Amino acid sequence: MKFLFACGGTAGHINPAVAVAHYIQERQPKAEILFAGNPKGMEAKLIPGAGFRFAPIEIMGFQRRLTWFNIKYNIRSVGCLMLSWKRSRRLLEGFAPDIAVGTGGYVSGPLLLEAERMGIPTLTHESNAFPGVTTKLLAKSVDKILLSVEEAQRFLPQGKEYIVVGNPVREQVIFSDREKARKKLGITEDQICIVSFGGSLGARRVNDAIAGLMKWEKQKGNFFHIHATGGYEKERFAGLLKENHIAPGEFDVREYISDMPDCLAAADLVISRSGAITLAELEASGTASVLIPSPNVAENHQYHNAMVLERHNAARVIEEKNLTPELLQNTVAELCAHPQTLKELGRNARALAVLDANERIYREIMGLIAQKKGSNAPLSSSP
């Protein structure tokens, strides 16, 4: 059986597809799995790194602000989009998948629409509480739309069936052991572990606030802080630490957190953006968090994501426009002074988790294939 995934742009679109692909692989070892994405996007690195084949389809997004640069950029984007339709058709004809699955990013649009025209079963999964442009575009055309949270239905066309399945997460996140993780990372029993990150590329305002927080943590002396600067901010953040008289090695500063399951298991508190998959992993691990939604995303969807947790007393939210090192320090100090509050936030987050999202999505995929073929193929048999 052949499965084609279309995703890209951000880790929040890529990681869900990878999680589901691994789940399919476990149940169908002989399955053929192919990913399509932009050769210039991070998917070109992450997908092969996860052990899957990658087919490049170049596509450019559209800029929404009206400037001369953006007008010229969008003209190029239209030309690139036309070519992507042809490339999508060639890929679909050559691979002949049993189903095409999209998890967001511009490449999902032309590929799933072309698959639908060719009679190939199509399914898309929306990870955010506020659906992205691509999901809205596909809503009336694809065979099946899966949502992470029920709130997303309010922003999509009515009269269509939407199935809430949660967000897929890596099984290591669900089953990681706190004591083992802390021992592995070198965290002592009396230390408060803070884990922070602003996204795979980095976030200037978040990094500024974290540098100020680390200065306070150094004075307190009982903090173990793991922070990911992001690729674009690595050198600048090193300069911020130097300004705050924090020597290299005093805290665990990295460009990217590659052992996230262990870090989440070890953490007493996470400070992060509120991308959908980040929140799904915080819920699955039952970790308290301070969320700083990125304002630089379509339709402010990270704010909507974060407010779902805050409404359930599962996180604290600081909007970036209000973010200062002092506000972050005060928020962290208040939470860490009340361990029971941290535990309550973590419990409430865990209560929101959909721990069988991978299985739910797998069953919807296999059910759609069986429905389209008019057969009753078993859900977990090898082809």
Protein backbone atom coordinates (compact mmCIF):
# COMPACT_ATOMS: atom_id res chain seq x y z
CA MET A 1 0.00 0.00 0.00
CA LYS A 2 1.29 3.49 -0.89
CA PHE A 3 0.91 6.63 1.24
CA LEU A 4 1.79 10.14 0.04
CA PHE A 5 2.20 12.96 2.57
CA ALA A 6 2.29 16.65 1.63
CA CYS A 7 3.56 19.08 4.24
CA GLY A 8 6.06 21.82 4.86
CA GLY A 9 6.97 25.31 5.91
CA THR A 10 7.23 24.81 9.66
CA ALA A 11 7.97 21.97 12.05
CA GLY A 12 4.33 22.25 13.15
CA HIS A 13 3.24 21.00 9.73
CA ILE A 14 6.03 18.46 9.31
CA ASN A 15 6.17 16.67 12.68
CA PRO A 16 2.51 15.51 12.67
CA ALA A 17 2.99 13.89 9.27
CA VAL A 18 6.19 12.20 10.42
CA ALA A 19 4.47 10.88 13.56
CA VAL A 20 1.62 9.37 11.52
CA ALA A 21 4.01 7.97 8.92
CA HIS A 22 6.00 6.18 11.64
CA TYR A 23 2.74 4.81 13.05
CA ILE A 24 1.77 3.46 9.61
CA GLN A 25 5.23 1.96 9.22
CA GLU A 26 4.90 0.09 12.52
CA ARG A 27 1.61 -1.47 11.45
CA GLN A 28 2.44 -1.99 7.80
CA PRO A 29 6.18 -2.69 7.47
CA LYS A 30 5.84 -3.15 3.71
CA ALA A 31 4.02 0.14 3.15
CA GLU A 32 5.59 2.60 0.69
CA ILE A 33 5.68 6.11 2.14
CA LEU A 34 6.67 9.23 0.21
CA PHE A 35 6.74 12.86 1.35
CA ALA A 36 6.36 15.88 -0.93
CA GLY A 37 7.56 19.32 0.08
CA ASN A 38 9.49 22.42 -0.85
CA PRO A 39 13.19 21.73 -1.57
CA LYS A 40 14.02 25.07 0.08
CA GLY A 41 11.98 24.40 3.21
CA MET A 42 13.03 22.71 6.45
CA GLU A 43 11.12 19.61 5.32
CA ALA A 44 13.93 18.91 2.84
CA LYS A 45 16.17 18.25 5.85
CA LEU A 46 13.74 16.90 8.44
CA ILE A 47 11.99 14.30 6.27
CA PRO A 48 15.12 12.43 5.10
CA GLY A 49 16.44 12.79 8.64
CA ALA A 50 13.37 10.90 9.86
CA GLY A 51 14.13 8.09 7.40
CA PHE A 52 11.55 8.81 4.69
CA ARG A 53 11.83 9.46 0.95
CA PHE A 54 11.37 13.07 -0.10
CA ALA A 55 10.07 14.40 -3.44
CA PRO A 56 10.69 18.14 -4.02
CA ILE A 57 7.90 20.34 -5.34
CA GLU A 58 8.92 23.99 -5.38
CA ILE A 59 6.21 26.40 -4.30
CA MET A 60 6.16 29.89 -2.82
CA GLY A 61 3.69 31.36 -0.36
CA PHE A 62 1.93 34.69 -0.80
CA GLN A 63 2.70 37.89 1.10
CA ARG A 64 -0.38 39.67 2.49
CA ARG A 65 0.98 43.17 3.15
CA LEU A 66 0.70 45.54 0.19
CA THR A 67 4.25 46.66 -0.68
CA TRP A 68 6.11 46.82 -4.00
CA PHE A 69 8.41 44.03 -2.89
CA ASN A 70 5.45 41.84 -1.94
CA ILE A 71 3.66 42.56 -5.22
CA LYS A 72 6.71 41.40 -7.20
CA TYR A 73 7.13 38.43 -4.87
CA ASN A 74 3.48 37.40 -5.35
CA ILE A 75 3.80 37.59 -9.15
CA ARG A 76 6.67 35.10 -8.92
CA SER A 77 4.56 33.00 -6.56
CA VAL A 78 1.76 32.73 -9.14
CA GLY A 79 4.22 31.42 -11.74
CA CYS A 80 5.67 28.97 -9.26
CA LEU A 81 2.15 27.82 -8.33
CA MET A 82 1.32 27.04 -11.96
CA LEU A 83 4.43 24.88 -12.24
CA SER A 84 3.62 23.13 -8.96
CA TRP A 85 0.33 21.82 -10.44
CA LYS A 86 2.23 20.12 -13.26
CA ARG A 87 4.85 18.72 -10.89
CA SER A 88 2.12 17.47 -8.55
CA ARG A 89 0.42 15.60 -11.37
CA ARG A 90 3.68 14.01 -12.53
CA LEU A 91 4.44 12.92 -8.97
CA LEU A 92 0.96 11.45 -8.47
CA GLU A 93 1.07 9.60 -11.78
CA GLY A 94 4.53 8.22 -11.05
CA PHE A 95 3.98 7.15 -7.43
CA ALA A 96 0.27 6.20 -7.77
CA PRO A 97 -0.57 6.47 -4.05
CA ASP A 98 -3.55 4.79 -2.41
CA ILE A 99 -4.15 8.06 -0.55
CA ALA A 100 -2.77 11.61 -0.38
CA VAL A 101 -2.56 13.12 3.11
CA GLY A 102 -1.92 16.80 3.83
CA THR A 103 -0.89 18.29 7.17
CA GLY A 104 -0.50 21.94 6.19
CA GLY A 105 1.88 24.18 4.30
CA TYR A 106 1.43 25.59 0.81
CA VAL A 107 2.52 22.41 -0.97
CA SER A 108 -0.53 20.58 0.42
CA GLY A 109 -2.87 22.74 -1.67
CA PRO A 110 -1.98 21.91 -5.29
CA LEU A 111 -1.00 18.33 -4.50
CA LEU A 112 -4.24 17.38 -2.73
CA LEU A 113 -6.43 19.25 -5.22
CA GLU A 114 -4.71 17.48 -8.11
CA ALA A 115 -5.07 14.13 -6.31
CA GLU A 116 -8.79 14.80 -5.88
CA ARG A 117 -9.14 15.53 -9.60
CA MET A 118 -7.42 12.23 -10.37
CA GLY A 119 -9.78 10.26 -8.13
CA ILE A 120 -7.17 9.52 -5.46
CA PRO A 121 -8.56 9.54 -1.88
CA THR A 122 -7.61 12.76 -0.07
CA LEU A 123 -7.44 13.62 3.62
CA THR A 124 -6.13 16.67 5.44
CA HIS A 125 -5.36 17.24 9.11
CA GLU A 126 -5.53 20.71 10.69
CA SER A 127 -3.36 21.01 13.79
CA ASN A 128 -4.38 24.52 14.89
CA ALA A 129 -7.42 25.84 16.74
CA PHE A 130 -7.67 28.47 13.98
CA PRO A 131 -7.40 26.70 10.59
CA GLY A 132 -4.77 27.83 8.13
CA VAL A 133 -5.32 29.17 4.62
CA THR A 134 -4.54 25.81 3.00
CA THR A 135 -7.12 23.96 5.11
CA LYS A 136 -9.78 26.54 4.25
CA LEU A 137 -8.88 26.18 0.57
CA LEU A 138 -9.15 22.39 0.71
CA ALA A 139 -12.24 22.20 2.95
CA LYS A 140 -14.78 21.90 0.13
CA SER A 141 -12.74 19.54 -2.04
CA VAL A 142 -10.97 16.84 -0.02
CA ASP A 143 -12.72 13.64 1.00
CA LYS A 144 -12.08 13.94 4.72
CA ILE A 145 -11.00 16.71 7.10
CA LEU A 146 -9.54 15.90 10.51
CA LEU A 147 -9.23 18.52 13.24
CA SER A 148 -7.13 18.70 16.38
CA VAL A 149 -9.73 20.55 18.46
CA GLU A 150 -13.46 21.10 18.19
CA GLU A 151 -13.09 24.91 18.24
CA ALA A 152 -11.64 24.83 14.70
CA GLN A 153 -15.03 23.92 13.21
CA ARG A 154 -16.29 27.47 13.83
CA PHE A 155 -13.88 28.86 11.23
CA LEU A 156 -14.59 26.37 8.43
CA PRO A 157 -17.45 26.07 5.89
CA GLN A 158 -20.61 24.61 7.39
CA GLY A 159 -22.40 21.57 5.98
CA LYS A 160 -19.25 19.42 5.90
CA GLU A 161 -18.33 16.65 8.34
CA TYR A 162 -15.30 17.39 10.51
CA ILE A 163 -13.73 14.70 12.68
CA VAL A 164 -11.86 15.69 15.85
CA VAL A 165 -8.87 13.39 16.37
CA GLY A 166 -6.35 15.49 18.31
CA ASN A 167 -2.77 16.13 17.25
CA PRO A 168 -0.34 13.28 16.64
CA VAL A 169 2.66 13.22 18.97
CA ARG A 170 5.73 11.05 19.25
CA GLU A 171 5.15 8.08 21.54
CA GLN A 172 8.41 8.87 23.39
CA VAL A 173 6.75 12.07 24.67
CA ILE A 174 3.88 10.11 26.19
CA PHE A 175 6.00 7.42 27.84
CA SER A 176 9.20 9.26 28.89
CA ASP A 177 10.13 8.78 32.57
CA ARG A 178 10.83 11.90 34.65
CA GLU A 179 13.46 10.40 36.96
CA LYS A 180 15.38 8.75 34.12
CA ALA A 181 15.22 11.93 32.02
CA ARG A 182 16.52 14.14 34.83
CA LYS A 183 19.35 11.72 35.57
CA LYS A 184 20.26 11.58 31.87
CA LEU A 185 20.36 15.38 31.64
CA GLY A 186 22.32 15.79 34.88
CA ILE A 187 19.58 17.56 36.86
CA THR A 188 19.78 17.17 40.62
CA GLU A 189 16.74 16.51 42.81
CA ASP A 190 16.71 20.01 44.34
CA GLN A 191 16.99 21.91 41.05
CA ILE A 192 14.04 23.51 39.27
CA CYS A 193 14.22 22.61 35.59
CA ILE A 194 13.11 25.23 33.06
CA VAL A 195 12.96 24.36 29.36
CA SER A 196 12.47 27.19 26.86
CA PHE A 197 12.42 27.63 23.10
CA GLY A 198 11.03 30.12 20.61
CA GLY A 199 10.72 27.97 17.51
CA SER A 200 13.12 26.23 15.16
CA LEU A 201 14.40 29.49 13.62
CA GLY A 202 14.43 31.51 16.82
CA ALA A 203 12.47 34.45 18.26
CA ARG A 204 14.21 37.71 19.17
CA ARG A 205 11.73 38.93 21.81
CA VAL A 206 11.61 35.52 23.50
CA ASN A 207 15.41 35.28 23.54
CA ASP A 208 15.70 38.77 25.03
CA ALA A 209 13.32 37.82 27.84
CA ILE A 210 15.04 34.47 28.47
CA ALA A 211 18.45 36.14 28.76
CA GLY A 212 17.03 38.43 31.45
CA LEU A 213 15.40 35.47 33.19
CA MET A 214 18.69 33.58 33.24
CA LYS A 215 20.37 36.52 34.99
CA TRP A 216 17.79 36.22 37.78
CA GLU A 217 18.09 32.42 37.85
CA LYS A 218 21.86 32.70 38.28
CA GLN A 219 21.31 34.87 41.35
CA LYS A 220 18.85 32.34 42.78
CA GLY A 221 21.21 29.44 42.15
CA ASN A 222 18.81 26.47 42.10
CA PHE A 223 17.78 26.46 38.43
CA PHE A 224 18.74 24.11 35.62
CA HIS A 225 17.73 25.86 32.39
CA ILE A 226 17.71 24.29 28.93
CA HIS A 227 17.16 26.88 26.18
CA ALA A 228 17.06 26.59 22.39
CA THR A 229 18.00 29.85 20.68
CA GLY A 230 16.92 28.87 17.17
CA GLY A 231 19.17 28.92 14.12
CA TYR A 232 19.05 32.66 13.38
CA GLU A 233 19.60 33.78 16.97
CA LYS A 234 22.47 31.60 18.16
CA GLU A 235 25.26 34.19 17.95
CA ARG A 236 23.15 37.11 19.16
CA PHE A 237 21.97 35.14 22.21
CA ALA A 238 25.57 34.34 23.13
CA GLY A 239 26.16 38.09 23.16
CA LEU A 240 23.15 38.64 25.43
CA LEU A 241 24.49 36.13 27.94
CA LYS A 242 27.87 37.85 27.92
CA GLU A 243 26.17 41.20 28.60
CA ASN A 244 24.41 39.59 31.58
CA HIS A 245 27.69 38.12 32.89
CA ILE A 246 26.60 34.53 32.28
CA ALA A 247 29.52 32.34 31.26
CA PRO A 248 29.23 29.61 28.60
CA GLY A 249 28.16 26.37 30.27
CA GLU A 250 26.34 27.94 33.22
CA PHE A 251 23.09 26.99 31.51
CA ASP A 252 22.36 24.41 28.80
CA VAL A 253 22.05 26.64 25.72
CA ARG A 254 21.55 24.99 22.33
CA GLU A 255 20.53 25.93 18.82
CA TYR A 256 17.80 23.29 18.73
CA ILE A 257 16.40 20.73 21.20
CA SER A 258 16.74 17.32 19.57
CA ASP A 259 15.87 15.32 22.71
CA MET A 260 12.53 17.00 23.41
CA PRO A 261 10.84 13.93 24.99
CA ASP A 262 13.52 13.81 27.71
CA CYS A 263 13.47 17.58 28.18
CA LEU A 264 9.68 17.68 28.60
CA ALA A 265 9.75 14.77 31.04
CA ALA A 266 12.44 16.49 33.12
CA ALA A 267 10.92 19.98 33.07
CA ASP A 268 9.08 21.61 35.95
CA LEU A 269 8.09 24.45 33.61
CA VAL A 270 8.27 25.10 29.87
CA ILE A 271 8.40 28.56 28.28
CA SER A 272 7.57 28.46 24.59
CA ARG A 273 5.59 29.63 21.60
CA SER A 274 2.17 28.03 21.18
CA GLY A 275 2.37 26.13 17.92
CA ALA A 276 -0.16 23.32 17.79
CA ILE A 277 2.31 20.44 18.02
CA THR A 278 4.23 22.08 20.85
CA LEU A 279 0.96 22.28 22.79
CA ALA A 280 0.05 18.70 21.94
CA GLU A 281 3.38 17.55 23.37
CA LEU A 282 2.97 19.72 26.49
CA GLU A 283 -0.44 18.13 27.02
CA ALA A 284 0.80 14.60 26.39
CA SER A 285 3.69 15.06 28.82
CA GLY A 286 1.53 16.85 31.40
CA THR A 287 3.94 19.79 31.69
CA ALA A 288 3.14 23.24 33.09
CA SER A 289 3.91 26.09 30.71
CA VAL A 290 4.14 29.81 30.10
CA LEU A 291 3.06 30.40 26.51
CA ILE A 292 4.13 33.37 24.38
CA PRO A 293 2.09 33.19 21.15
CA SER A 294 3.91 34.37 18.04
CA PRO A 295 2.13 37.38 16.50
CA ASN A 296 3.89 36.71 13.19
CA VAL A 297 1.65 33.86 12.05
CA ALA A 298 -1.41 33.68 9.81
CA GLU A 299 -4.67 34.76 11.46
CA ASN A 300 -2.94 34.95 14.87
CA HIS A 301 -3.57 31.20 15.24
CA GLN A 302 -1.00 30.70 18.01
CA TYR A 303 -3.01 33.03 20.25
CA HIS A 304 -6.14 30.93 19.67
CA ASN A 305 -4.13 27.77 20.43
CA ALA A 306 -2.78 29.19 23.69
CA MET A 307 -6.15 30.44 24.90
CA VAL A 308 -7.57 26.90 24.75
CA LEU A 309 -5.06 25.92 27.46
CA GLU A 310 -5.48 29.08 29.50
CA ARG A 311 -9.27 28.65 29.57
CA HIS A 312 -8.70 25.19 31.10
CA ASN A 313 -6.14 26.53 33.63
CA ALA A 314 -3.48 24.44 31.90
CA ALA A 315 -1.02 27.26 31.11
CA ARG A 316 -0.21 30.92 31.66
CA VAL A 317 -0.22 33.17 28.57
CA ILE A 318 1.87 36.29 27.95
CA GLU A 319 1.21 38.14 24.69
CA GLU A 320 4.41 39.25 22.97
CA LYS A 321 3.33 42.89 22.98
CA ASN A 322 3.41 42.72 26.80
CA LEU A 323 6.55 40.59 27.11
CA THR A 324 9.47 41.99 29.11
CA PRO A 325 12.24 40.23 31.03
CA GLU A 326 10.68 41.57 34.24
CA LEU A 327 7.19 40.23 33.47
CA LEU A 328 8.55 36.82 32.52
CA GLN A 329 10.73 36.74 35.65
CA ASN A 330 7.76 37.63 37.89
CA THR A 331 5.57 34.99 36.25
CA VAL A 332 8.21 32.28 36.63
CA ALA A 333 8.99 33.33 40.21
CA GLU A 334 5.32 33.18 41.20
CA LEU A 335 4.83 29.73 39.67
CA CYS A 336 8.04 28.25 41.05
CA ALA A 337 7.19 29.55 44.53
CA HIS A 338 4.02 27.44 44.41
CA PRO A 339 4.88 23.86 43.32
CA GLN A 340 1.25 22.80 43.70
CA THR A 341 0.24 25.36 41.07
CA LEU A 342 2.82 23.90 38.67
CA LYS A 343 1.44 20.42 39.31
CA GLU A 344 -2.14 21.62 38.79
CA LEU A 345 -1.26 23.24 35.45
CA GLY A 346 0.44 20.00 34.38
CA ARG A 347 -2.53 17.85 35.42
CA ASN A 348 -4.96 20.10 33.57
CA ALA A 349 -2.76 20.01 30.47
CA ARG A 350 -2.63 16.21 30.58
CA ALA A 351 -6.44 16.11 30.85
CA LEU A 352 -6.63 17.89 27.46
CA ALA A 353 -4.33 15.38 25.74
CA VAL A 354 -5.61 13.04 23.05
CA LEU A 355 -3.16 10.21 23.61
CA ASP A 356 -4.46 7.96 20.84
CA ALA A 357 -4.43 10.60 18.08
CA ASN A 358 -2.04 8.55 15.93
CA GLU A 359 -4.38 5.55 16.05
CA ARG A 360 -7.44 7.70 15.33
CA ILE A 361 -5.78 9.27 12.29
CA TYR A 362 -4.54 5.89 11.07
CA ARG A 363 -8.05 4.44 11.25
CA GLU A 364 -9.51 7.39 9.34
CA ILE A 365 -6.85 6.98 6.63
CA MET A 366 -7.43 3.24 6.29
CA GLY A 367 -11.20 3.65 6.48
CA LEU A 368 -11.16 6.18 3.64
CA ILE A 369 -9.01 3.91 1.46
CA ALA A 370 -11.37 0.99 2.12
CA GLN A 371 -14.41 3.16 1.44
CA LYS A 372 -13.04 4.42 -1.87
CA LYS A 373 -12.06 0.92 -2.95
CA GLY A 374 -15.40 -0.47 -1.83
CA SER A 375 -13.68 -3.11 0.27
CA ASN A 376 -13.36 -4.02 3.93
CA ALA A 377 -9.59 -4.21 4.18
CA PRO A 378 -8.39 -4.96 7.73
CA LEU A 379 -7.03 -1.88 9.48
CA SER A 380 -3.64 -3.23 10.52
CA SER A 381 -2.71 -5.88 8.02
CA SER A 382 0.38 -5.66 5.85
CA PRO A 383 -0.25 -5.20 2.12
